[in-house]
Amino acid sequence: MIWSLKLVSKNCSKMANNRLDIIIFGATGFTGKHVVKNAAHICKEQKIKFGIAGRRKEALDAVVKEFASDIEDVPIILADIKDEESLKKMTERARMLISCCGPFRFYGEPVIKACIATRTHYVDITGEEEFMEKMQLEYNEAAKEAGIYVVSACGFDCVPSDLGIIFTQQKFGGEVNDVEVYMSTWSTTTDNKRPYLNYGTWESAIYSLAHAHELRELHEKLYPTKLPEFTPKLKSRGLVHRSDVSEGWSVWFPSTDRSLALRTQRFLYDKYKERPAQIRVYATFKSFLVFLTLSIFGLIVLFMTRIACGRNLLLKYPSLFSFGFISHENPDPKIWESIHFSVICKARGWTEKLTESTDKHTNPPNKEVITKVTGNSPAYEGTSIIAILSAITILNESDKIPDNGGVLTPGAALGKTSLIEQMNKHNIKFEVISSTVK
């Protein structure tokens, strides 16, 4: 009996050793191709073995030929989101899966189930809030039992903001009460050639807005116990304001960044009893006219997503309703080479940290720290680099990630790893701008 158990253990170990380090699923999609392109360089440098997966072999062959022809062997795996067995056969061949197959509300869950069944780590590039919270609610315990990490939003949504806040807390040198996040993008070219965004990004956004009303119930199920009250309260700046840290007009930004960052802060409180930071997220526009135009456009789109015929029109005619910024055609990669992003975190708190996270300071905040995260081509190039580095970090630094598995946010999973250092090496820069004590 002992001999047979040893044989089974040996065979399982051998199977694990024969796995690829990473498989990129959805490699023929617009973002998937960017992931493959950057994986060809990053994985080659770090001696990481990767393969690609999707439905059509011809399309996968073309991706390898275009983006990874200098790599000796890139295995191709056929897998279909509608074929559960093919997903399991795909995931059992990898230690880590990077999923680029969205919208994730339709295509994400079967892949996560397959990863849990085959004990394969998982990261994706989604920013779909409802999907992420649902996966945490339904699969966190199963992922823990399988000993795997499931980490969504490993891209421009939402690593720069989530890890930016973590970076700010780590550099603060005291206790943070609140963080205001200012996000902005700009182009260094006068070429107005469009579209700017891929249709898949638009499709995911439309469905996320359409189902936003379901989030409250998910929140309540995910966190039935409320956090203690922390003071002073961080108040909203209102609809629009001018900030001393971000040039232009700043407006409340209803993105996934805030909700995901708050989930990270809740995890840090539950796990380590660290005082959670209060968070507000704003988008900054250089021109008031741009702000006004996008606000009107946003309200129209929001209204249309609430009714079925409105959603159908938005999905059928994206170019019309986005002023040409999004269409069924893929963006020209050269357009994104000229686009840059900035995520500024303005943190307030105290120079001294109290013994217990729920202890109350008797004096008002007396310290302010401002940090910045900057990079290029955020939507696709930046996203693909972040996804690859997140996947590699999970594989290499599992001893620095808590709980030996689970469905976690990027900040919760990777906040204590070298991911920020790795991103700095790949031109996604984290830096402290100022630190002042009153």
Protein backbone atom coordinates (compact mmCIF):
# COMPACT_ATOMS: atom_id res chain seq x y z
CA MET A 1 0.00 0.00 0.00
CA ILE A 2 2.79 2.40 0.95
CA TRP A 3 4.60 1.48 -2.27
CA SER A 4 1.51 2.26 -4.39
CA LEU A 5 1.01 5.64 -2.68
CA LYS A 6 4.63 6.52 -3.37
CA LEU A 7 4.15 5.52 -7.02
CA VAL A 8 1.04 7.72 -7.36
CA SER A 9 2.88 10.62 -5.72
CA LYS A 10 5.84 10.13 -8.03
CA ASN A 11 3.60 10.04 -11.12
CA CYS A 12 1.75 13.20 -10.02
CA SER A 13 5.05 14.97 -9.43
CA LYS A 14 6.29 13.89 -12.85
CA MET A 15 3.10 15.16 -14.48
CA ALA A 16 3.48 18.53 -12.72
CA ASN A 17 7.08 18.78 -13.86
CA ASN A 18 6.02 18.11 -17.46
CA ARG A 19 3.57 21.00 -17.46
CA LEU A 20 4.23 24.20 -19.37
CA ASP A 21 4.82 27.19 -17.12
CA ILE A 22 2.16 29.31 -18.82
CA ILE A 23 -0.60 28.88 -21.41
CA ILE A 24 -2.16 31.97 -22.98
CA PHE A 25 -5.83 31.27 -23.72
CA GLY A 26 -7.59 33.46 -26.26
CA ALA A 27 -4.27 34.09 -27.99
CA THR A 28 -5.86 34.98 -31.34
CA GLY A 29 -7.86 37.89 -29.91
CA PHE A 30 -6.68 41.49 -30.10
CA THR A 31 -5.34 41.65 -26.53
CA GLY A 32 -4.26 38.01 -26.64
CA LYS A 33 -1.91 38.76 -29.53
CA HIS A 34 -0.29 41.53 -27.48
CA VAL A 35 0.18 39.10 -24.60
CA VAL A 36 1.83 36.58 -26.92
CA LYS A 37 4.08 39.26 -28.41
CA ASN A 38 5.35 40.38 -25.00
CA ALA A 39 5.50 36.82 -23.65
CA ALA A 40 7.90 35.97 -26.48
CA HIS A 41 10.36 38.50 -25.04
CA ILE A 42 9.73 38.34 -21.29
CA CYS A 43 9.41 34.56 -21.05
CA LYS A 44 12.49 34.06 -23.19
CA GLU A 45 14.52 36.31 -20.86
CA GLN A 46 13.31 34.48 -17.77
CA LYS A 47 13.45 31.00 -19.31
CA ILE A 48 9.71 30.53 -18.91
CA LYS A 49 8.11 27.92 -21.17
CA PHE A 50 4.77 29.04 -22.61
CA GLY A 51 2.16 27.80 -25.05
CA ILE A 52 -0.94 29.32 -26.64
CA ALA A 53 -4.52 28.09 -26.86
CA GLY A 54 -7.71 28.81 -28.75
CA ARG A 55 -10.31 27.28 -31.04
CA ARG A 56 -8.66 27.44 -34.48
CA LYS A 57 -5.27 25.92 -35.22
CA GLU A 58 -4.70 27.98 -38.36
CA ALA A 59 -5.22 31.23 -36.46
CA LEU A 60 -2.94 30.04 -33.63
CA ASP A 61 -0.25 29.05 -36.13
CA ALA A 62 -0.46 32.55 -37.59
CA VAL A 63 -0.02 34.15 -34.17
CA VAL A 64 3.11 32.09 -33.48
CA LYS A 65 4.51 32.94 -36.91
CA GLU A 66 3.89 36.67 -36.43
CA PHE A 67 4.85 37.16 -32.78
CA ALA A 68 6.95 34.20 -31.59
CA SER A 69 8.80 32.90 -34.62
CA ASP A 70 12.18 33.23 -32.91
CA ILE A 71 11.20 30.81 -30.15
CA GLU A 72 12.07 27.20 -30.90
CA ASP A 73 8.89 25.54 -29.68
CA VAL A 74 5.58 27.22 -28.77
CA PRO A 75 3.03 24.44 -28.16
CA ILE A 76 -0.44 25.00 -29.59
CA ILE A 77 -3.44 23.68 -27.67
CA LEU A 78 -6.96 23.55 -29.07
CA ALA A 79 -9.66 24.48 -26.56
CA ASP A 80 -13.22 25.74 -26.89
CA ILE A 81 -15.08 27.61 -24.17
CA LYS A 82 -18.16 25.48 -24.96
CA ASP A 83 -16.25 22.21 -24.51
CA GLU A 84 -15.57 21.53 -20.83
CA GLU A 85 -13.34 18.55 -21.53
CA SER A 86 -11.14 20.57 -23.90
CA LEU A 87 -10.72 23.23 -21.21
CA LYS A 88 -9.57 20.62 -18.69
CA LYS A 89 -7.15 19.12 -21.20
CA MET A 90 -5.78 22.61 -21.78
CA THR A 91 -5.42 23.62 -18.13
CA GLU A 92 -3.86 20.33 -17.04
CA ARG A 93 -0.97 21.09 -19.38
CA ALA A 94 -0.01 24.31 -17.55
CA ARG A 95 1.06 25.52 -14.13
CA MET A 96 -0.51 28.91 -14.93
CA LEU A 97 -3.23 30.06 -17.35
CA ILE A 98 -3.50 33.63 -18.64
CA SER A 99 -7.04 34.11 -19.94
CA CYS A 100 -7.69 36.80 -22.56
CA CYS A 101 -11.06 35.39 -23.56
CA GLY A 102 -13.84 37.91 -22.82
CA PRO A 103 -16.39 39.23 -22.12
CA PHE A 104 -15.67 37.32 -18.95
CA ARG A 105 -19.26 37.34 -17.72
CA PHE A 106 -19.92 34.90 -20.60
CA TYR A 107 -16.60 33.08 -20.99
CA GLY A 108 -14.74 33.36 -17.70
CA GLU A 109 -16.39 30.94 -15.28
CA PRO A 110 -15.87 27.67 -17.24
CA VAL A 111 -12.14 28.43 -17.46
CA ILE A 112 -11.84 29.06 -13.72
CA LYS A 113 -13.72 25.81 -13.00
CA ALA A 114 -11.30 23.92 -15.25
CA CYS A 115 -8.31 25.52 -13.51
CA ILE A 116 -9.63 24.47 -10.10
CA ALA A 117 -10.26 20.92 -11.34
CA THR A 118 -6.70 20.60 -12.68
CA ARG A 119 -4.96 22.67 -9.97
CA THR A 120 -3.78 25.36 -12.36
CA HIS A 121 -3.16 28.96 -11.30
CA TYR A 122 -5.18 31.58 -13.18
CA VAL A 123 -4.89 35.26 -14.06
CA ASP A 124 -6.94 37.34 -16.48
CA ILE A 125 -7.20 40.86 -17.87
CA THR A 126 -10.84 41.65 -17.10
CA GLY A 127 -12.16 44.76 -15.43
CA GLU A 128 -15.69 43.37 -15.08
CA GLU A 129 -16.63 44.03 -11.47
CA GLU A 130 -19.67 41.76 -11.28
CA PHE A 131 -17.76 38.79 -12.71
CA MET A 132 -14.85 39.22 -10.31
CA GLU A 133 -16.99 39.47 -7.19
CA LYS A 134 -19.14 36.53 -8.25
CA MET A 135 -16.02 34.39 -8.77
CA GLN A 136 -14.70 35.31 -5.32
CA LEU A 137 -18.04 34.52 -3.73
CA GLU A 138 -18.50 31.15 -5.45
CA TYR A 139 -14.97 29.79 -5.91
CA ASN A 140 -12.70 31.21 -3.20
CA GLU A 141 -12.91 28.15 -0.96
CA ALA A 142 -12.59 25.73 -3.88
CA ALA A 143 -9.47 27.53 -5.09
CA LYS A 144 -7.99 27.34 -1.58
CA GLU A 145 -8.68 23.61 -1.42
CA ALA A 146 -7.02 23.16 -4.81
CA GLY A 147 -4.04 25.25 -3.67
CA ILE A 148 -4.27 27.63 -6.64
CA TYR A 149 -4.53 31.39 -7.01
CA VAL A 150 -7.25 32.98 -9.13
CA VAL A 151 -6.38 36.63 -9.73
CA SER A 152 -8.44 38.80 -12.07
CA ALA A 153 -7.83 42.37 -13.28
CA CYS A 154 -4.13 41.80 -14.00
CA GLY A 155 -3.92 44.60 -16.54
CA PHE A 156 -4.47 48.34 -16.79
CA ASP A 157 -7.70 47.42 -15.01
CA CYS A 158 -6.72 47.55 -12.15
CA VAL A 159 -3.06 46.96 -11.23
CA PRO A 160 -1.72 50.56 -11.54
CA SER A 161 -4.38 51.86 -9.11
CA ASP A 162 -4.56 48.85 -6.77
CA LEU A 163 -0.79 48.34 -6.52
CA GLY A 164 -0.32 52.12 -6.62
CA ILE A 165 -2.30 52.39 -3.38
CA ILE A 166 -0.36 49.48 -1.85
CA PHE A 167 2.92 51.16 -2.89
CA THR A 168 1.75 54.42 -1.29
CA GLN A 169 0.88 52.66 1.99
CA GLN A 170 4.25 50.90 2.02
CA LYS A 171 6.13 54.18 1.47
CA PHE A 172 3.97 56.27 3.81
CA GLY A 173 5.95 55.63 6.99
CA GLY A 174 2.97 55.91 9.32
CA GLU A 175 -0.75 55.18 9.07
CA VAL A 176 -2.85 56.06 6.02
CA ASN A 177 -6.38 57.34 6.53
CA ASP A 178 -7.41 57.99 2.94
CA VAL A 179 -6.16 57.97 -0.65
CA GLU A 180 -7.44 60.04 -3.56
CA VAL A 181 -6.55 58.50 -6.92
CA TYR A 182 -6.31 60.66 -10.06
CA MET A 183 -6.15 58.81 -13.38
CA SER A 184 -5.37 60.40 -16.73
CA THR A 185 -4.29 59.45 -20.25
CA TRP A 186 -2.95 61.63 -23.04
CA SER A 187 -1.48 61.37 -26.51
CA THR A 188 1.77 62.85 -27.79
CA THR A 189 0.64 62.83 -31.41
CA THR A 190 -1.74 65.09 -33.33
CA ASP A 191 -2.89 62.18 -35.51
CA ASN A 192 -6.62 61.74 -34.84
CA LYS A 193 -6.85 58.42 -36.65
CA ARG A 194 -9.46 56.13 -35.05
CA PRO A 195 -10.59 53.73 -33.56
CA TYR A 196 -8.72 53.84 -30.25
CA LEU A 197 -10.25 50.83 -28.50
CA ASN A 198 -10.99 47.24 -29.46
CA TYR A 199 -14.63 46.16 -29.81
CA GLY A 200 -14.20 43.52 -27.07
CA THR A 201 -13.42 46.29 -24.56
CA TRP A 202 -16.60 48.11 -25.59
CA GLU A 203 -18.71 44.94 -25.37
CA SER A 204 -17.47 44.16 -21.85
CA ALA A 205 -18.17 47.73 -20.73
CA ILE A 206 -21.73 47.71 -22.11
CA TYR A 207 -22.66 44.49 -20.33
CA SER A 208 -21.00 45.66 -17.10
CA LEU A 209 -23.07 48.87 -17.10
CA ALA A 210 -26.22 46.91 -17.92
CA HIS A 211 -25.78 44.67 -14.88
CA ALA A 212 -24.38 47.24 -12.44
CA HIS A 213 -27.60 47.06 -10.39
CA GLU A 214 -26.69 43.49 -9.37
CA LEU A 215 -23.56 44.61 -7.54
CA ARG A 216 -25.21 45.66 -4.28
CA GLU A 217 -26.55 42.15 -3.62
CA LEU A 218 -23.13 40.65 -4.46
CA HIS A 219 -21.40 43.07 -2.07
CA GLU A 220 -23.75 42.11 0.75
CA LYS A 221 -23.21 38.39 0.20
CA LEU A 222 -19.44 38.78 -0.13
CA TYR A 223 -19.10 40.97 2.97
CA PRO A 224 -22.03 40.31 5.33
CA THR A 225 -20.11 41.97 8.19
CA LYS A 226 -19.45 45.69 7.81
CA LEU A 227 -16.11 47.28 8.62
CA PRO A 228 -15.78 49.42 11.76
CA GLU A 229 -16.14 53.16 11.20
CA PHE A 230 -12.86 54.94 10.48
CA THR A 231 -12.48 58.69 10.87
CA PRO A 232 -12.06 61.33 9.62
CA LYS A 233 -14.32 60.44 6.72
CA LEU A 234 -13.01 61.00 3.21
CA LYS A 235 -15.57 63.21 1.48
CA SER A 236 -16.27 63.31 -2.23
CA ARG A 237 -14.93 66.31 -4.16
CA GLY A 238 -18.25 66.59 -5.98
CA LEU A 239 -19.04 66.21 -9.66
CA VAL A 240 -16.03 68.16 -10.95
CA HIS A 241 -13.07 69.93 -9.35
CA ARG A 242 -9.53 71.12 -9.97
CA SER A 243 -6.89 69.26 -7.98
CA ASP A 244 -3.48 70.49 -6.85
CA VAL A 245 -1.90 67.15 -7.89
CA SER A 246 -3.48 66.55 -11.32
CA GLU A 247 -3.59 69.30 -13.91
CA GLY A 248 -6.99 69.83 -15.51
CA TRP A 249 -10.59 69.07 -14.59
CA SER A 250 -11.15 66.04 -12.39
CA VAL A 251 -14.42 64.14 -12.15
CA TRP A 252 -15.65 61.20 -10.09
CA PHE A 253 -14.74 58.10 -12.08
CA PRO A 254 -17.23 55.19 -11.85
CA SER A 255 -14.67 52.52 -12.72
CA THR A 256 -13.80 49.13 -11.27
CA ASP A 257 -10.61 50.57 -9.79
CA ARG A 258 -12.22 51.82 -6.57
CA SER A 259 -14.32 48.74 -5.83
CA LEU A 260 -11.38 46.42 -6.44
CA ALA A 261 -9.03 48.55 -4.31
CA LEU A 262 -11.60 48.48 -1.49
CA ARG A 263 -11.71 44.68 -1.74
CA THR A 264 -7.92 44.67 -1.36
CA GLN A 265 -8.13 46.95 1.67
CA ARG A 266 -10.82 44.73 3.19
CA PHE A 267 -8.58 41.68 2.69
CA LEU A 268 -5.65 43.41 4.42
CA TYR A 269 -7.90 44.27 7.35
CA ASP A 270 -9.39 40.76 7.66
CA LYS A 271 -6.05 38.99 7.15
CA TYR A 272 -3.51 41.23 8.87
CA LYS A 273 -5.67 43.65 10.89
CA GLU A 274 -4.22 46.57 8.94
CA ARG A 275 -6.24 49.76 8.94
CA PRO A 276 -7.98 49.97 5.53
CA ALA A 277 -7.59 53.17 3.55
CA GLN A 278 -10.66 55.08 2.43
CA ILE A 279 -10.49 55.58 -1.34
CA ARG A 280 -11.89 57.91 -3.99
CA VAL A 281 -11.05 57.64 -7.68
CA TYR A 282 -11.18 60.51 -10.18
CA ALA A 283 -10.42 60.89 -13.88
CA THR A 284 -8.65 64.06 -15.02
CA PHE A 285 -9.22 65.80 -18.36
CA LYS A 286 -7.01 68.62 -19.61
CA SER A 287 -9.90 70.41 -21.32
CA PHE A 288 -13.30 71.30 -19.82
CA LEU A 289 -14.83 70.81 -23.27
CA VAL A 290 -13.51 67.23 -23.39
CA PHE A 291 -14.92 66.62 -19.91
CA LEU A 292 -18.32 68.03 -20.91
CA THR A 293 -18.45 66.03 -24.16
CA LEU A 294 -17.52 62.75 -22.49
CA SER A 295 -19.98 63.38 -19.64
CA ILE A 296 -22.88 63.83 -22.07
CA PHE A 297 -21.73 60.79 -24.05
CA GLY A 298 -21.44 58.76 -20.84
CA LEU A 299 -24.95 59.65 -19.68
CA ILE A 300 -26.42 58.69 -23.05
CA VAL A 301 -24.61 55.34 -23.06
CA LEU A 302 -25.59 54.67 -19.43
CA PHE A 303 -29.26 55.30 -20.21
CA MET A 304 -29.15 53.09 -23.31
CA THR A 305 -27.56 50.15 -21.44
CA ARG A 306 -30.62 49.96 -19.18
CA ILE A 307 -32.92 48.76 -21.98
CA ALA A 308 -32.44 45.79 -24.33
CA CYS A 309 -32.96 47.70 -27.58
CA GLY A 310 -30.50 50.36 -26.41
CA ARG A 311 -27.83 47.74 -25.68
CA ASN A 312 -28.39 46.14 -29.06
CA LEU A 313 -27.91 49.49 -30.82
CA LEU A 314 -24.73 50.23 -28.84
CA LEU A 315 -23.28 46.82 -29.69
CA LYS A 316 -24.31 46.97 -33.35
CA TYR A 317 -23.11 50.53 -34.02
CA PRO A 318 -20.18 51.18 -31.66
CA SER A 319 -18.56 53.72 -33.98
CA LEU A 320 -21.71 55.86 -34.11
CA PHE A 321 -22.22 55.99 -30.35
CA SER A 322 -18.53 56.44 -29.47
CA PHE A 323 -17.77 59.17 -32.03
CA GLY A 324 -15.50 56.73 -33.86
CA PHE A 325 -13.32 55.92 -30.85
CA ILE A 326 -14.49 52.29 -30.95
CA SER A 327 -15.54 50.17 -33.92
CA HIS A 328 -15.65 46.57 -35.11
CA GLU A 329 -12.22 47.18 -36.64
CA ASN A 330 -9.12 46.71 -34.50
CA PRO A 331 -7.14 49.83 -33.50
CA ASP A 332 -3.86 50.58 -35.20
CA PRO A 333 -1.13 49.56 -32.69
CA LYS A 334 0.85 52.68 -33.66
CA ILE A 335 -1.89 54.86 -32.17
CA TRP A 336 -1.34 53.34 -28.74
CA GLU A 337 2.41 53.82 -28.90
CA SER A 338 1.79 57.57 -28.48
CA ILE A 339 -0.63 57.22 -25.55
CA HIS A 340 0.61 57.57 -21.97
CA PHE A 341 -1.04 57.16 -18.59
CA SER A 342 -0.63 58.51 -15.09
CA VAL A 343 -2.11 57.31 -11.81
CA ILE A 344 -1.48 59.75 -8.96
CA CYS A 345 -2.21 58.73 -5.36
CA LYS A 346 -2.59 61.46 -2.75
CA ALA A 347 -2.55 59.88 0.71
CA ARG A 348 -3.26 61.52 4.06
CA GLY A 349 -2.70 60.08 7.49
CA TRP A 350 -0.51 60.18 10.57
CA THR A 351 3.20 59.88 11.22
CA GLU A 352 2.50 57.40 14.01
CA LYS A 353 0.75 54.05 13.70
CA LEU A 354 -1.56 53.02 16.52
CA THR A 355 -1.32 49.59 18.14
CA GLU A 356 -4.72 48.33 16.97
CA SER A 357 -6.23 49.04 13.57
CA THR A 358 -9.52 50.07 15.19
CA ASP A 359 -7.88 52.52 17.63
CA LYS A 360 -8.82 56.14 16.94
CA HIS A 361 -6.34 58.97 16.50
CA THR A 362 -7.09 61.96 18.72
CA ASN A 363 -5.36 64.45 16.40
CA PRO A 364 -6.18 65.24 12.75
CA PRO A 365 -4.01 63.76 9.97
CA ASN A 366 -0.55 65.37 9.94
CA LYS A 367 1.18 63.72 6.98
CA GLU A 368 0.69 63.67 3.22
CA VAL A 369 2.43 61.48 0.65
CA ILE A 370 1.96 61.72 -3.12
CA THR A 371 3.00 58.88 -5.45
CA LYS A 372 2.71 58.35 -9.17
CA VAL A 373 2.47 55.38 -11.54
CA THR A 374 3.24 56.11 -15.18
CA GLY A 375 3.57 54.10 -18.37
CA ASN A 376 2.76 53.87 -22.06
CA SER A 377 0.04 52.25 -24.16
CA PRO A 378 -2.08 51.27 -21.15
CA ALA A 379 -5.00 49.44 -22.75
CA TYR A 380 -3.15 46.68 -24.59
CA GLU A 381 0.65 46.91 -24.43
CA GLY A 382 0.70 47.85 -20.73
CA THR A 383 -2.03 45.35 -19.94
CA SER A 384 -0.19 42.47 -21.63
CA ILE A 385 3.07 43.22 -19.79
CA ILE A 386 1.27 43.43 -16.43
CA ALA A 387 -0.58 40.14 -17.08
CA ILE A 388 2.62 38.27 -17.94
CA LEU A 389 4.58 39.68 -15.00
CA SER A 390 1.69 38.89 -12.62
CA ALA A 391 1.57 35.29 -13.85
CA ILE A 392 5.34 34.81 -13.53
CA THR A 393 5.38 36.40 -10.07
CA ILE A 394 2.71 34.01 -8.81
CA LEU A 395 4.71 31.05 -10.13
CA ASN A 396 8.00 32.26 -8.65
CA GLU A 397 6.93 33.84 -5.37
CA SER A 398 4.05 31.78 -4.02
CA ASP A 399 5.74 31.87 -0.59
CA LYS A 400 5.00 35.63 -0.47
CA ILE A 401 1.33 35.23 -1.36
CA PRO A 402 -1.15 34.60 1.48
CA ASP A 403 -3.52 31.71 2.17
CA ASN A 404 -1.95 29.08 -0.12
CA GLY A 405 -4.67 29.71 -2.70
CA GLY A 406 -7.95 31.52 -3.23
CA VAL A 407 -9.69 34.11 -5.40
CA LEU A 408 -7.79 37.31 -4.68
CA THR A 409 -7.36 40.84 -5.98
CA PRO A 410 -3.97 41.82 -7.45
CA GLY A 411 -3.16 43.89 -4.36
CA ALA A 412 -4.09 41.11 -1.96
CA ALA A 413 -2.16 38.47 -3.90
CA LEU A 414 0.84 40.43 -5.13
CA GLY A 415 1.26 43.36 -2.75
CA LYS A 416 4.10 41.69 -0.83
CA THR A 417 5.89 40.30 -3.91
CA SER A 418 8.42 41.87 -6.28
CA LEU A 419 5.78 42.71 -8.92
CA ILE A 420 6.19 46.48 -8.53
CA GLU A 421 9.96 46.10 -8.92
CA GLN A 422 9.42 43.93 -12.01
CA MET A 423 7.04 46.50 -13.55
CA ASN A 424 9.61 49.25 -12.95
CA LYS A 425 12.05 47.24 -15.07
CA HIS A 426 9.48 47.14 -17.87
CA ASN A 427 8.77 50.88 -18.04
CA ILE A 428 5.75 50.94 -15.72
CA LYS A 429 7.20 53.31 -13.16
CA PHE A 430 6.20 53.61 -9.49
CA GLU A 431 7.68 56.61 -7.65
CA VAL A 432 7.22 58.84 -4.61
CA ILE A 433 6.65 62.46 -5.67
CA SER A 434 6.53 64.13 -2.27
CA SER A 435 6.22 63.49 1.47
CA THR A 436 5.28 66.29 3.85
CA VAL A 437 4.57 66.50 7.59
CA LYS A 438 2.49 69.31 9.04
